[in-house]
Amino acid sequence: MMAIDQRQIDTAMASVPTDEQCRLIDNVLAERRRIARIRSAAAIRMPDDSPWVILRTHVGCEVSVSEDLHASNIEALVPMKMGPRLRRNRREIPPKKAPVMVGYMLARCPISNDANAALLSFDHVSEVLGGYAQPYLLDAEKVRNFNDKAESGEFDHERPVSLFSHLKKVQIIEGPFAGFVGEIVTSTGKGKGTAVVEILFMNQPMPMIVPLAFLSPL
């Protein structure tokens, strides 16, 4: 939707609007009605055994997007792990919760054009993985097991990068992309924590940041 200067709307509402201002207001109201309609389609609660879709989000916005979806009664999930201990000014900062999957989150709603369009209508959501018409679906039981492992702390204590220092090819064994084979592009976290791994997804190379606990050397 075209960005609207709020002052234009305030001015139009406080005075007799011109024809152009009327069209502007009509367009804004029509777009709001459209978004409300498609989001209500995505808010239909699905059975517990229904599959999930993966949303690509802007990095660092996973939790805020999840909160926005919940505010619209759309089921969303961001599996969390305990982050690393940090030191600042010689003081240790306790670890904080952080998303297990950087730049990705899960959502569950009816599989329809309106519902997928609704997911894309939220700020900081850039893609429904697999495409608009045929999203990549995750089995509900696999998602449940993955989230249970995250909540129990299995991804909190991460392996040292040295386990993969002489390896390039790895298999992802945890999370939504379990079963994919990829190559380590680079490791991050000063010797532990995560690695950038590139997999082939839908015949396209896709890099992602994953915990080393997700990886098995090949």
N, C-alpha and C. Protein backbone atom coordinates (compact mmCIF):
# COMPACT_ATOMS: atom_id res chain seq x y z
N MET A 1 0.85 -1.18 0.00
CA MET A 1 0.00 0.00 0.00
C MET A 1 0.89 1.24 0.00
N MET A 2 0.50 2.27 -0.75
CA MET A 2 1.27 3.48 -0.84
C MET A 2 1.37 4.15 0.52
N ALA A 3 2.56 4.62 0.87
CA ALA A 3 2.73 5.30 2.15
C ALA A 3 1.94 6.59 2.16
N ILE A 4 1.24 6.83 3.26
CA ILE A 4 0.38 8.00 3.40
C ILE A 4 0.92 8.87 4.52
N ASP A 5 1.06 10.16 4.25
CA ASP A 5 1.45 11.11 5.28
C ASP A 5 0.25 11.34 6.18
N GLN A 6 0.39 11.06 7.49
CA GLN A 6 -0.73 11.19 8.41
C GLN A 6 -1.27 12.62 8.43
N ARG A 7 -0.40 13.60 8.18
CA ARG A 7 -0.87 14.98 8.17
C ARG A 7 -1.87 15.23 7.05
N GLN A 8 -1.69 14.53 5.92
CA GLN A 8 -2.65 14.68 4.83
C GLN A 8 -4.04 14.21 5.27
N ILE A 9 -4.08 13.08 5.98
CA ILE A 9 -5.37 12.56 6.44
C ILE A 9 -5.98 13.49 7.48
N ASP A 10 -5.15 13.96 8.43
CA ASP A 10 -5.66 14.87 9.47
C ASP A 10 -6.22 16.14 8.85
N THR A 11 -5.51 16.67 7.86
CA THR A 11 -5.98 17.89 7.20
C THR A 11 -7.29 17.65 6.46
N ALA A 12 -7.36 16.50 5.78
CA ALA A 12 -8.57 16.17 5.03
C ALA A 12 -9.77 15.99 5.94
N MET A 13 -9.56 15.34 7.09
CA MET A 13 -10.67 15.09 7.99
C MET A 13 -11.14 16.37 8.70
N ALA A 14 -10.23 17.35 8.84
CA ALA A 14 -10.57 18.58 9.57
C ALA A 14 -11.15 19.65 8.66
N SER A 15 -11.20 19.42 7.39
CA SER A 15 -11.71 20.42 6.45
C SER A 15 -12.53 19.72 5.38
N VAL A 16 -13.09 20.50 4.51
CA VAL A 16 -13.82 19.92 3.39
C VAL A 16 -12.80 19.32 2.42
N PRO A 17 -12.78 18.00 2.26
CA PRO A 17 -11.72 17.39 1.45
C PRO A 17 -11.93 17.65 -0.03
N THR A 18 -10.82 17.69 -0.73
CA THR A 18 -10.87 17.79 -2.18
C THR A 18 -11.18 16.41 -2.75
N ASP A 19 -11.44 16.38 -4.06
CA ASP A 19 -11.69 15.09 -4.70
C ASP A 19 -10.49 14.16 -4.55
N GLU A 20 -9.28 14.70 -4.68
CA GLU A 20 -8.08 13.88 -4.55
C GLU A 20 -7.96 13.32 -3.13
N GLN A 21 -8.27 14.15 -2.13
CA GLN A 21 -8.21 13.69 -0.75
C GLN A 21 -9.27 12.62 -0.47
N CYS A 22 -10.43 12.78 -1.07
CA CYS A 22 -11.48 11.77 -0.91
C CYS A 22 -11.03 10.43 -1.48
N ARG A 23 -10.41 10.46 -2.65
CA ARG A 23 -9.91 9.22 -3.25
C ARG A 23 -8.84 8.61 -2.37
N LEU A 24 -7.99 9.46 -1.81
CA LEU A 24 -6.93 8.97 -0.94
C LEU A 24 -7.51 8.27 0.28
N ILE A 25 -8.48 8.91 0.92
CA ILE A 25 -9.11 8.32 2.11
C ILE A 25 -9.83 7.04 1.75
N ASP A 26 -10.55 7.03 0.62
CA ASP A 26 -11.25 5.82 0.18
C ASP A 26 -10.28 4.66 -0.04
N ASN A 27 -9.13 4.97 -0.64
CA ASN A 27 -8.13 3.92 -0.88
C ASN A 27 -7.59 3.36 0.43
N VAL A 28 -7.33 4.26 1.38
CA VAL A 28 -6.82 3.81 2.68
C VAL A 28 -7.84 2.93 3.37
N LEU A 29 -9.09 3.35 3.39
CA LEU A 29 -10.14 2.58 4.06
C LEU A 29 -10.38 1.24 3.36
N ALA A 30 -10.32 1.25 2.03
CA ALA A 30 -10.51 0.00 1.29
C ALA A 30 -9.38 -0.99 1.59
N GLU A 31 -8.16 -0.48 1.68
CA GLU A 31 -7.02 -1.36 1.98
C GLU A 31 -7.13 -1.90 3.40
N ARG A 32 -7.58 -1.08 4.33
CA ARG A 32 -7.76 -1.55 5.71
C ARG A 32 -8.83 -2.64 5.78
N ARG A 33 -9.89 -2.47 5.02
CA ARG A 33 -10.95 -3.50 5.01
C ARG A 33 -10.42 -4.79 4.39
N ARG A 34 -9.61 -4.66 3.32
CA ARG A 34 -9.05 -5.85 2.68
C ARG A 34 -8.14 -6.61 3.65
N ILE A 35 -7.29 -5.89 4.34
CA ILE A 35 -6.37 -6.55 5.27
C ILE A 35 -7.14 -7.19 6.42
N ALA A 36 -8.17 -6.50 6.92
CA ALA A 36 -8.98 -7.08 8.00
C ALA A 36 -9.66 -8.37 7.52
N ARG A 37 -10.11 -8.39 6.27
CA ARG A 37 -10.80 -9.58 5.75
C ARG A 37 -9.85 -10.75 5.61
N ILE A 38 -8.68 -10.52 5.03
CA ILE A 38 -7.77 -11.65 4.82
C ILE A 38 -7.16 -12.12 6.14
N ARG A 39 -6.95 -11.20 7.07
CA ARG A 39 -6.42 -11.62 8.37
C ARG A 39 -7.44 -12.42 9.16
N SER A 40 -8.72 -12.12 8.97
CA SER A 40 -9.73 -12.93 9.63
C SER A 40 -9.75 -14.34 9.04
N ALA A 41 -9.42 -14.48 7.76
CA ALA A 41 -9.33 -15.80 7.14
C ALA A 41 -8.16 -16.59 7.72
N ALA A 42 -7.06 -15.90 8.02
CA ALA A 42 -5.89 -16.56 8.59
C ALA A 42 -6.05 -16.86 10.07
N ALA A 43 -7.02 -16.20 10.72
CA ALA A 43 -7.21 -16.36 12.17
C ALA A 43 -8.04 -17.59 12.52
N ILE A 44 -8.54 -18.30 11.53
CA ILE A 44 -9.30 -19.51 11.81
C ILE A 44 -8.38 -20.54 12.44
N ARG A 45 -8.70 -20.99 13.64
CA ARG A 45 -7.83 -21.91 14.36
C ARG A 45 -7.91 -23.31 13.76
N MET A 46 -6.74 -23.89 13.49
CA MET A 46 -6.65 -25.18 12.86
C MET A 46 -6.48 -26.28 13.91
N PRO A 47 -6.83 -27.55 13.58
CA PRO A 47 -6.61 -28.67 14.51
C PRO A 47 -5.13 -28.81 14.86
N ASP A 48 -4.87 -29.42 16.01
CA ASP A 48 -3.50 -29.54 16.50
C ASP A 48 -2.59 -30.35 15.58
N ASP A 49 -3.16 -31.20 14.75
CA ASP A 49 -2.33 -32.00 13.85
C ASP A 49 -2.14 -31.34 12.48
N SER A 50 -2.57 -30.10 12.33
CA SER A 50 -2.43 -29.40 11.05
C SER A 50 -0.99 -28.93 10.86
N PRO A 51 -0.53 -28.84 9.62
CA PRO A 51 0.86 -28.45 9.36
C PRO A 51 1.09 -26.95 9.59
N TRP A 52 2.36 -26.61 9.69
CA TRP A 52 2.80 -25.22 9.86
C TRP A 52 3.50 -24.76 8.59
N VAL A 53 3.55 -23.45 8.40
CA VAL A 53 4.35 -22.86 7.33
C VAL A 53 5.51 -22.09 7.95
N ILE A 54 6.54 -21.87 7.15
CA ILE A 54 7.72 -21.12 7.60
C ILE A 54 7.68 -19.73 6.99
N LEU A 55 7.83 -18.72 7.84
CA LEU A 55 7.91 -17.34 7.37
C LEU A 55 9.35 -16.86 7.48
N ARG A 56 9.83 -16.23 6.42
CA ARG A 56 11.12 -15.54 6.51
C ARG A 56 10.84 -14.12 6.98
N THR A 57 11.53 -13.70 8.01
CA THR A 57 11.35 -12.36 8.56
C THR A 57 12.66 -11.59 8.51
N HIS A 58 12.58 -10.30 8.71
CA HIS A 58 13.79 -9.52 8.87
C HIS A 58 14.50 -10.01 10.14
N VAL A 59 15.81 -10.10 10.06
CA VAL A 59 16.59 -10.59 11.21
C VAL A 59 16.37 -9.67 12.41
N GLY A 60 16.08 -10.28 13.54
CA GLY A 60 15.83 -9.51 14.76
C GLY A 60 14.37 -9.17 14.98
N CYS A 61 13.52 -9.51 14.00
CA CYS A 61 12.09 -9.17 14.10
C CYS A 61 11.21 -10.40 14.33
N GLU A 62 11.81 -11.56 14.57
CA GLU A 62 11.05 -12.80 14.69
C GLU A 62 10.00 -12.71 15.80
N VAL A 63 10.41 -12.22 16.97
CA VAL A 63 9.49 -12.17 18.12
C VAL A 63 8.42 -11.12 17.91
N SER A 64 8.79 -9.96 17.40
CA SER A 64 7.79 -8.89 17.20
C SER A 64 6.76 -9.29 16.16
N VAL A 65 7.19 -10.01 15.11
CA VAL A 65 6.23 -10.49 14.10
C VAL A 65 5.28 -11.50 14.74
N SER A 66 5.83 -12.40 15.56
CA SER A 66 5.00 -13.38 16.25
C SER A 66 3.96 -12.69 17.12
N GLU A 67 4.37 -11.64 17.83
CA GLU A 67 3.42 -10.90 18.67
C GLU A 67 2.34 -10.24 17.83
N ASP A 68 2.72 -9.71 16.67
CA ASP A 68 1.73 -9.08 15.79
C ASP A 68 0.72 -10.11 15.28
N LEU A 69 1.20 -11.31 14.93
CA LEU A 69 0.30 -12.35 14.48
C LEU A 69 -0.65 -12.77 15.61
N HIS A 70 -0.11 -12.94 16.80
CA HIS A 70 -0.96 -13.31 17.94
C HIS A 70 -2.02 -12.24 18.21
N ALA A 71 -1.64 -10.98 18.04
CA ALA A 71 -2.60 -9.89 18.26
C ALA A 71 -3.76 -9.95 17.27
N SER A 72 -3.53 -10.58 16.12
CA SER A 72 -4.59 -10.77 15.13
C SER A 72 -5.20 -12.17 15.21
N ASN A 73 -4.93 -12.87 16.33
CA ASN A 73 -5.47 -14.22 16.58
C ASN A 73 -4.99 -15.26 15.58
N ILE A 74 -3.79 -15.04 15.03
CA ILE A 74 -3.18 -16.00 14.11
C ILE A 74 -2.12 -16.78 14.89
N GLU A 75 -2.17 -18.10 14.79
CA GLU A 75 -1.26 -18.94 15.55
C GLU A 75 0.17 -18.78 15.01
N ALA A 76 1.11 -18.52 15.92
CA ALA A 76 2.50 -18.30 15.54
C ALA A 76 3.41 -18.91 16.58
N LEU A 77 4.63 -19.24 16.15
CA LEU A 77 5.57 -19.90 17.05
C LEU A 77 6.99 -19.48 16.70
N VAL A 78 7.73 -19.06 17.73
CA VAL A 78 9.16 -18.77 17.59
C VAL A 78 9.88 -19.59 18.66
N PRO A 79 10.39 -20.78 18.31
CA PRO A 79 11.15 -21.55 19.30
C PRO A 79 12.34 -20.73 19.81
N MET A 80 12.55 -20.76 21.14
CA MET A 80 13.56 -19.92 21.76
C MET A 80 14.65 -20.76 22.42
N LYS A 81 15.83 -20.20 22.51
CA LYS A 81 16.96 -20.82 23.21
C LYS A 81 17.59 -19.76 24.11
N MET A 82 18.43 -20.20 25.04
CA MET A 82 19.17 -19.27 25.85
C MET A 82 20.40 -18.83 25.08
N GLY A 83 20.57 -17.53 24.94
CA GLY A 83 21.69 -17.00 24.18
C GLY A 83 23.01 -17.09 24.92
N PRO A 84 24.08 -16.58 24.33
CA PRO A 84 25.41 -16.69 24.94
C PRO A 84 25.59 -15.72 26.10
N ARG A 85 26.53 -16.04 26.98
CA ARG A 85 26.95 -15.11 28.02
C ARG A 85 27.83 -14.03 27.39
N LEU A 86 27.61 -12.80 27.78
CA LEU A 86 28.38 -11.69 27.22
C LEU A 86 29.15 -10.98 28.33
N ARG A 87 30.22 -10.32 27.93
CA ARG A 87 30.98 -9.52 28.88
C ARG A 87 31.07 -8.10 28.35
N ARG A 88 30.81 -7.15 29.25
CA ARG A 88 30.86 -5.74 28.87
C ARG A 88 31.43 -4.96 30.05
N ASN A 89 32.48 -4.20 29.76
CA ASN A 89 33.16 -3.44 30.81
C ASN A 89 33.55 -4.34 31.99
N ARG A 90 34.08 -5.52 31.63
CA ARG A 90 34.57 -6.50 32.61
C ARG A 90 33.45 -7.10 33.47
N ARG A 91 32.24 -6.88 33.07
CA ARG A 91 31.11 -7.46 33.79
C ARG A 91 30.41 -8.48 32.91
N GLU A 92 30.01 -9.59 33.52
CA GLU A 92 29.31 -10.63 32.77
C GLU A 92 27.82 -10.31 32.72
N ILE A 93 27.28 -10.34 31.51
CA ILE A 93 25.85 -10.09 31.31
C ILE A 93 25.16 -11.44 31.18
N PRO A 94 24.16 -11.71 32.02
CA PRO A 94 23.48 -13.01 31.96
C PRO A 94 22.90 -13.26 30.57
N PRO A 95 22.87 -14.52 30.14
CA PRO A 95 22.31 -14.83 28.82
C PRO A 95 20.82 -14.53 28.76
N LYS A 96 20.38 -14.17 27.58
CA LYS A 96 18.97 -13.87 27.35
C LYS A 96 18.39 -14.85 26.34
N LYS A 97 17.08 -14.98 26.37
CA LYS A 97 16.40 -15.81 25.38
C LYS A 97 16.53 -15.19 24.00
N ALA A 98 16.71 -16.04 23.01
CA ALA A 98 16.82 -15.60 21.62
C ALA A 98 16.20 -16.64 20.72
N PRO A 99 15.72 -16.25 19.55
CA PRO A 99 15.15 -17.24 18.62
C PRO A 99 16.16 -18.30 18.21
N VAL A 100 15.74 -19.54 18.16
CA VAL A 100 16.61 -20.61 17.68
C VAL A 100 16.92 -20.41 16.20
N MET A 101 15.92 -20.01 15.43
CA MET A 101 16.08 -19.83 13.99
C MET A 101 16.17 -18.34 13.69
N VAL A 102 17.33 -17.88 13.27
CA VAL A 102 17.52 -16.46 12.97
C VAL A 102 16.87 -16.14 11.63
N GLY A 103 15.93 -15.21 11.65
CA GLY A 103 15.28 -14.79 10.41
C GLY A 103 14.13 -15.66 9.95
N TYR A 104 13.68 -16.60 10.82
CA TYR A 104 12.57 -17.47 10.45
C TYR A 104 11.65 -17.67 11.65
N MET A 105 10.40 -17.92 11.38
CA MET A 105 9.43 -18.27 12.40
C MET A 105 8.36 -19.14 11.76
N LEU A 106 7.45 -19.67 12.59
CA LEU A 106 6.42 -20.58 12.12
C LEU A 106 5.04 -19.98 12.32
N ALA A 107 4.13 -20.32 11.43
CA ALA A 107 2.74 -19.89 11.56
C ALA A 107 1.83 -21.03 11.12
N ARG A 108 0.63 -21.07 11.70
CA ARG A 108 -0.33 -22.11 11.32
C ARG A 108 -1.69 -21.45 11.09
N CYS A 109 -2.22 -21.70 9.92
CA CYS A 109 -3.50 -21.13 9.51
C CYS A 109 -4.03 -21.94 8.35
N PRO A 110 -5.25 -21.68 7.89
CA PRO A 110 -5.72 -22.40 6.69
C PRO A 110 -4.78 -22.16 5.51
N ILE A 111 -4.63 -23.16 4.68
CA ILE A 111 -3.80 -23.02 3.49
C ILE A 111 -4.68 -22.50 2.36
N SER A 112 -4.64 -21.20 2.18
CA SER A 112 -5.47 -20.56 1.14
C SER A 112 -4.76 -19.30 0.68
N ASN A 113 -5.20 -18.78 -0.46
CA ASN A 113 -4.59 -17.56 -0.98
C ASN A 113 -4.78 -16.39 -0.02
N ASP A 114 -5.98 -16.27 0.53
CA ASP A 114 -6.23 -15.17 1.46
C ASP A 114 -5.36 -15.28 2.71
N ALA A 115 -5.25 -16.48 3.26
CA ALA A 115 -4.46 -16.66 4.48
C ALA A 115 -2.98 -16.37 4.21
N ASN A 116 -2.46 -16.84 3.10
CA ASN A 116 -1.06 -16.57 2.77
C ASN A 116 -0.84 -15.08 2.53
N ALA A 117 -1.79 -14.43 1.87
CA ALA A 117 -1.68 -12.98 1.67
C ALA A 117 -1.71 -12.26 3.01
N ALA A 118 -2.50 -12.77 3.95
CA ALA A 118 -2.57 -12.16 5.28
C ALA A 118 -1.21 -12.24 5.97
N LEU A 119 -0.55 -13.37 5.89
CA LEU A 119 0.77 -13.51 6.52
C LEU A 119 1.76 -12.51 5.94
N LEU A 120 1.67 -12.29 4.64
CA LEU A 120 2.58 -11.34 3.99
C LEU A 120 2.22 -9.89 4.25
N SER A 121 1.04 -9.65 4.83
CA SER A 121 0.61 -8.27 5.08
C SER A 121 1.23 -7.68 6.34
N PHE A 122 1.91 -8.50 7.13
CA PHE A 122 2.51 -8.00 8.37
C PHE A 122 3.88 -7.41 8.10
N ASP A 123 4.18 -6.34 8.82
CA ASP A 123 5.49 -5.70 8.69
C ASP A 123 6.59 -6.71 9.03
N HIS A 124 7.69 -6.62 8.29
CA HIS A 124 8.91 -7.41 8.52
C HIS A 124 8.77 -8.88 8.11
N VAL A 125 7.67 -9.26 7.45
CA VAL A 125 7.56 -10.59 6.85
C VAL A 125 7.90 -10.44 5.37
N SER A 126 8.93 -11.16 4.93
CA SER A 126 9.37 -11.00 3.55
C SER A 126 8.96 -12.15 2.64
N GLU A 127 8.62 -13.31 3.23
CA GLU A 127 8.33 -14.46 2.36
C GLU A 127 7.65 -15.57 3.13
N VAL A 128 6.72 -16.26 2.46
CA VAL A 128 6.23 -17.56 2.91
C VAL A 128 7.03 -18.59 2.15
N LEU A 129 7.84 -19.39 2.84
CA LEU A 129 8.74 -20.30 2.14
C LEU A 129 7.97 -21.32 1.30
N GLY A 130 8.46 -21.54 0.11
CA GLY A 130 7.82 -22.45 -0.81
C GLY A 130 6.97 -21.75 -1.84
N GLY A 131 6.63 -20.50 -1.56
CA GLY A 131 5.84 -19.74 -2.51
C GLY A 131 4.44 -19.46 -2.03
N TYR A 132 3.85 -18.50 -2.64
CA TYR A 132 2.52 -18.03 -2.25
C TYR A 132 1.46 -19.10 -2.47
N ALA A 133 1.51 -19.77 -3.62
CA ALA A 133 0.46 -20.73 -3.97
C ALA A 133 0.62 -22.07 -3.28
N GLN A 134 1.88 -22.53 -3.12
CA GLN A 134 2.13 -23.86 -2.54
C GLN A 134 3.22 -23.74 -1.48
N PRO A 135 2.88 -23.26 -0.30
CA PRO A 135 3.90 -23.09 0.74
C PRO A 135 4.47 -24.42 1.21
N TYR A 136 5.72 -24.36 1.67
CA TYR A 136 6.40 -25.53 2.21
C TYR A 136 5.79 -25.84 3.58
N LEU A 137 5.27 -27.06 3.76
CA LEU A 137 4.53 -27.40 4.97
C LEU A 137 5.38 -28.28 5.89
N LEU A 138 5.25 -28.00 7.20
CA LEU A 138 5.96 -28.76 8.21
C LEU A 138 4.97 -29.58 9.03
N ASP A 139 5.29 -30.85 9.22
CA ASP A 139 4.44 -31.75 10.01
C ASP A 139 4.31 -31.24 11.44
N ALA A 140 3.10 -31.27 11.97
CA ALA A 140 2.82 -30.74 13.30
C ALA A 140 3.62 -31.46 14.39
N GLU A 141 3.78 -32.78 14.27
CA GLU A 141 4.51 -33.53 15.28
C GLU A 141 5.99 -33.14 15.28
N LYS A 142 6.57 -32.92 14.11
CA LYS A 142 7.96 -32.50 14.04
C LYS A 142 8.15 -31.12 14.66
N VAL A 143 7.22 -30.24 14.41
CA VAL A 143 7.29 -28.91 15.01
C VAL A 143 7.17 -29.01 16.53
N ARG A 144 6.27 -29.84 17.00
CA ARG A 144 6.08 -30.01 18.44
C ARG A 144 7.35 -30.56 19.09
N ASN A 145 7.98 -31.56 18.47
CA ASN A 145 9.20 -32.13 19.02
C ASN A 145 10.33 -31.11 19.02
N PHE A 146 10.43 -30.36 17.95
CA PHE A 146 11.46 -29.33 17.85
C PHE A 146 11.29 -28.27 18.94
N ASN A 147 10.07 -27.80 19.12
CA ASN A 147 9.83 -26.77 20.14
C ASN A 147 10.06 -27.32 21.54
N ASP A 148 9.69 -28.59 21.77
CA ASP A 148 9.94 -29.21 23.08
C ASP A 148 11.44 -29.25 23.39
N LYS A 149 12.25 -29.59 22.37
CA LYS A 149 13.70 -29.62 22.57
C LYS A 149 14.23 -28.22 22.88
N ALA A 150 13.70 -27.23 22.18
CA ALA A 150 14.14 -25.85 22.44
C ALA A 150 13.79 -25.44 23.86
N GLU A 151 12.56 -25.75 24.30
CA GLU A 151 12.13 -25.37 25.64
C GLU A 151 12.90 -26.11 26.73
N SER A 152 13.35 -27.32 26.43
CA SER A 152 14.10 -28.10 27.42
C SER A 152 15.57 -27.71 27.46
N GLY A 153 16.00 -26.82 26.57
CA GLY A 153 17.37 -26.31 26.61
C GLY A 153 18.36 -27.07 25.77
N GLU A 154 17.89 -27.94 24.88
CA GLU A 154 18.83 -28.75 24.09
C GLU A 154 19.67 -27.91 23.13
N PHE A 155 19.22 -26.71 22.82
CA PHE A 155 19.97 -25.87 21.89
C PHE A 155 20.69 -24.73 22.62
N ASP A 156 20.64 -24.73 23.96
CA ASP A 156 21.28 -23.66 24.72
C ASP A 156 22.80 -23.80 24.73
N HIS A 157 23.27 -25.02 24.92
CA HIS A 157 24.71 -25.26 25.02
C HIS A 157 25.20 -25.73 23.66
N GLU A 158 25.96 -24.87 22.99
CA GLU A 158 26.29 -25.12 21.60
C GLU A 158 27.68 -25.72 21.45
N ARG A 159 27.86 -26.45 20.39
CA ARG A 159 29.12 -27.14 20.16
C ARG A 159 30.20 -26.16 19.70
N PRO A 160 31.47 -26.48 19.99
CA PRO A 160 32.55 -25.62 19.48
C PRO A 160 32.70 -25.76 17.97
N VAL A 161 33.07 -24.68 17.33
CA VAL A 161 33.24 -24.68 15.88
C VAL A 161 34.34 -25.64 15.45
N SER A 162 35.29 -25.94 16.32
CA SER A 162 36.40 -26.81 15.95
C SER A 162 35.93 -28.17 15.44
N LEU A 163 34.72 -28.59 15.86
CA LEU A 163 34.19 -29.86 15.35
C LEU A 163 34.02 -29.82 13.84
N PHE A 164 33.87 -28.63 13.27
CA PHE A 164 33.61 -28.48 11.84
C PHE A 164 34.72 -27.70 11.14
N SER A 165 35.85 -27.50 11.81
CA SER A 165 36.88 -26.61 11.27
C SER A 165 37.46 -27.13 9.96
N HIS A 166 37.48 -28.45 9.75
CA HIS A 166 38.05 -28.99 8.52
C HIS A 166 36.98 -29.57 7.61
N LEU A 167 35.72 -29.25 7.88
CA LEU A 167 34.62 -29.82 7.11
C LEU A 167 33.87 -28.74 6.36
N LYS A 168 33.32 -29.12 5.27
CA LYS A 168 32.48 -28.22 4.50
C LYS A 168 31.04 -28.72 4.45
N LYS A 169 30.87 -30.02 4.21
CA LYS A 169 29.53 -30.56 4.01
C LYS A 169 28.97 -31.08 5.32
N VAL A 170 27.74 -30.70 5.62
CA VAL A 170 27.08 -31.12 6.85
C VAL A 170 25.62 -31.46 6.54
N GLN A 171 25.01 -32.17 7.46
CA GLN A 171 23.57 -32.43 7.37
C GLN A 171 22.88 -31.74 8.52
N ILE A 172 21.75 -31.09 8.23
CA ILE A 172 20.95 -30.48 9.29
C ILE A 172 20.08 -31.58 9.89
N ILE A 173 20.17 -31.75 11.21
CA ILE A 173 19.47 -32.86 11.87
C ILE A 173 18.37 -32.39 12.80
N GLU A 174 18.22 -31.07 12.97
CA GLU A 174 17.19 -30.53 13.86
C GLU A 174 16.47 -29.38 13.16
N GLY A 175 15.26 -29.09 13.66
CA GLY A 175 14.54 -27.93 13.17
C GLY A 175 13.77 -28.17 11.89
N PRO A 176 13.19 -27.10 11.36
CA PRO A 176 12.34 -27.22 10.16
C PRO A 176 13.06 -27.73 8.92
N PHE A 177 14.39 -27.56 8.87
CA PHE A 177 15.13 -27.97 7.68
C PHE A 177 15.89 -29.27 7.90
N ALA A 178 15.48 -30.04 8.90
CA ALA A 178 16.13 -31.32 9.18
C ALA A 178 16.08 -32.22 7.94
N GLY A 179 17.20 -32.86 7.65
CA GLY A 179 17.29 -33.73 6.48
C GLY A 179 18.01 -33.09 5.32
N PHE A 180 18.10 -31.76 5.30
CA PHE A 180 18.79 -31.08 4.21
C PHE A 180 20.30 -31.20 4.41
N VAL A 181 21.01 -31.36 3.30
CA VAL A 181 22.47 -31.35 3.29
C VAL A 181 22.93 -29.99 2.78
N GLY A 182 23.94 -29.43 3.45
CA GLY A 182 24.42 -28.13 3.03
C GLY A 182 25.91 -27.99 3.23
N GLU A 183 26.41 -26.81 2.91
CA GLU A 183 27.82 -26.51 3.08
C GLU A 183 27.99 -25.35 4.05
N ILE A 184 28.97 -25.47 4.94
CA ILE A 184 29.27 -24.38 5.86
C ILE A 184 29.94 -23.26 5.08
N VAL A 185 29.34 -22.09 5.11
CA VAL A 185 29.91 -20.92 4.44
C VAL A 185 30.89 -20.23 5.37
N THR A 186 30.46 -20.01 6.59
CA THR A 186 31.33 -19.41 7.59
C THR A 186 30.74 -19.70 8.96
N SER A 187 31.59 -19.70 9.97
CA SER A 187 31.13 -19.86 11.35
C SER A 187 31.15 -18.51 12.03
N THR A 188 30.28 -18.35 13.02
CA THR A 188 30.20 -17.09 13.75
C THR A 188 30.22 -17.41 15.23
N GLY A 189 30.31 -16.37 16.03
CA GLY A 189 30.21 -16.56 17.47
C GLY A 189 31.55 -16.75 18.15
N LYS A 190 32.68 -16.36 17.51
CA LYS A 190 34.01 -16.41 18.12
C LYS A 190 34.34 -17.79 18.67
N GLY A 191 34.17 -18.80 17.85
CA GLY A 191 34.58 -20.13 18.25
C GLY A 191 33.47 -21.04 18.69
N LYS A 192 32.28 -20.54 18.84
CA LYS A 192 31.16 -21.41 19.20
C LYS A 192 29.85 -20.72 18.81
N GLY A 193 28.80 -21.51 18.85
CA GLY A 193 27.48 -20.90 18.67
C GLY A 193 26.77 -21.28 17.40
N THR A 194 27.10 -20.62 16.29
CA THR A 194 26.31 -20.79 15.07
C THR A 194 27.23 -20.87 13.86
N ALA A 195 26.62 -21.23 12.75
CA ALA A 195 27.34 -21.23 11.48
C ALA A 195 26.38 -20.80 10.38
N VAL A 196 26.91 -20.21 9.34
CA VAL A 196 26.12 -19.91 8.15
C VAL A 196 26.24 -21.12 7.22
N VAL A 197 25.10 -21.73 6.96
CA VAL A 197 25.05 -22.93 6.12
C VAL A 197 24.18 -22.64 4.90
N GLU A 198 24.64 -23.06 3.74
CA GLU A 198 23.86 -22.88 2.51
C GLU A 198 23.30 -24.23 2.08
N ILE A 199 21.98 -24.28 1.94
CA ILE A 199 21.32 -25.49 1.47
C ILE A 199 20.66 -25.19 0.12
N LEU A 200 20.26 -26.24 -0.56
CA LEU A 200 19.50 -26.09 -1.80
C LEU A 200 18.03 -26.31 -1.46
N PHE A 201 17.25 -25.23 -1.52
CA PHE A 201 15.84 -25.28 -1.15
C PHE A 201 15.00 -24.88 -2.35
N MET A 202 14.11 -25.77 -2.77
CA MET A 202 13.28 -25.51 -3.95
C MET A 202 14.15 -25.14 -5.16
N ASN A 203 15.28 -25.89 -5.31
CA ASN A 203 16.20 -25.70 -6.42
C ASN A 203 16.88 -24.34 -6.42
N GLN A 204 16.88 -23.68 -5.26
CA GLN A 204 17.55 -22.40 -5.12
C GLN A 204 18.49 -22.44 -3.93
N PRO A 205 19.72 -21.90 -4.05
CA PRO A 205 20.61 -21.85 -2.89
C PRO A 205 20.04 -20.91 -1.84
N MET A 206 20.06 -21.34 -0.57
CA MET A 206 19.49 -20.53 0.51
C MET A 206 20.42 -20.58 1.72
N PRO A 207 21.11 -19.47 2.02
CA PRO A 207 21.95 -19.43 3.21
C PRO A 207 21.11 -19.17 4.45
N MET A 208 21.55 -19.69 5.59
CA MET A 208 20.85 -19.46 6.84
C MET A 208 21.82 -19.59 8.00
N ILE A 209 21.51 -18.92 9.09
CA ILE A 209 22.29 -19.02 10.32
C ILE A 209 21.64 -20.07 11.20
N VAL A 210 22.39 -21.10 11.56
CA VAL A 210 21.83 -22.18 12.37
C VAL A 210 22.75 -22.50 13.54
N PRO A 211 22.20 -22.96 14.67
CA PRO A 211 23.04 -23.42 15.78
C PRO A 211 23.87 -24.63 15.36
N LEU A 212 25.07 -24.72 15.88
CA LEU A 212 25.90 -25.88 15.57
C LEU A 212 25.27 -27.18 16.06
N ALA A 213 24.41 -27.08 17.07
CA ALA A 213 23.70 -28.27 17.57
C ALA A 213 22.78 -28.85 16.50
N PHE A 214 22.48 -28.09 15.47
CA PHE A 214 21.63 -28.57 14.37
C PHE A 214 22.40 -29.45 13.39
N LEU A 215 23.74 -29.43 13.45
CA LEU A 215 24.54 -29.95 12.36
C LEU A 215 25.24 -31.26 12.71
N SER A 216 25.33 -32.12 11.70
CA SER A 216 26.07 -33.37 11.82
C SER A 216 27.09 -33.41 10.68
N PRO A 217 28.38 -33.64 10.98
CA PRO A 217 29.40 -33.67 9.93
C PRO A 217 29.16 -34.81 8.95
N LEU A 218 29.46 -34.56 7.69
CA LEU A 218 29.39 -35.59 6.65
C LEU A 218 30.78 -35.83 6.07
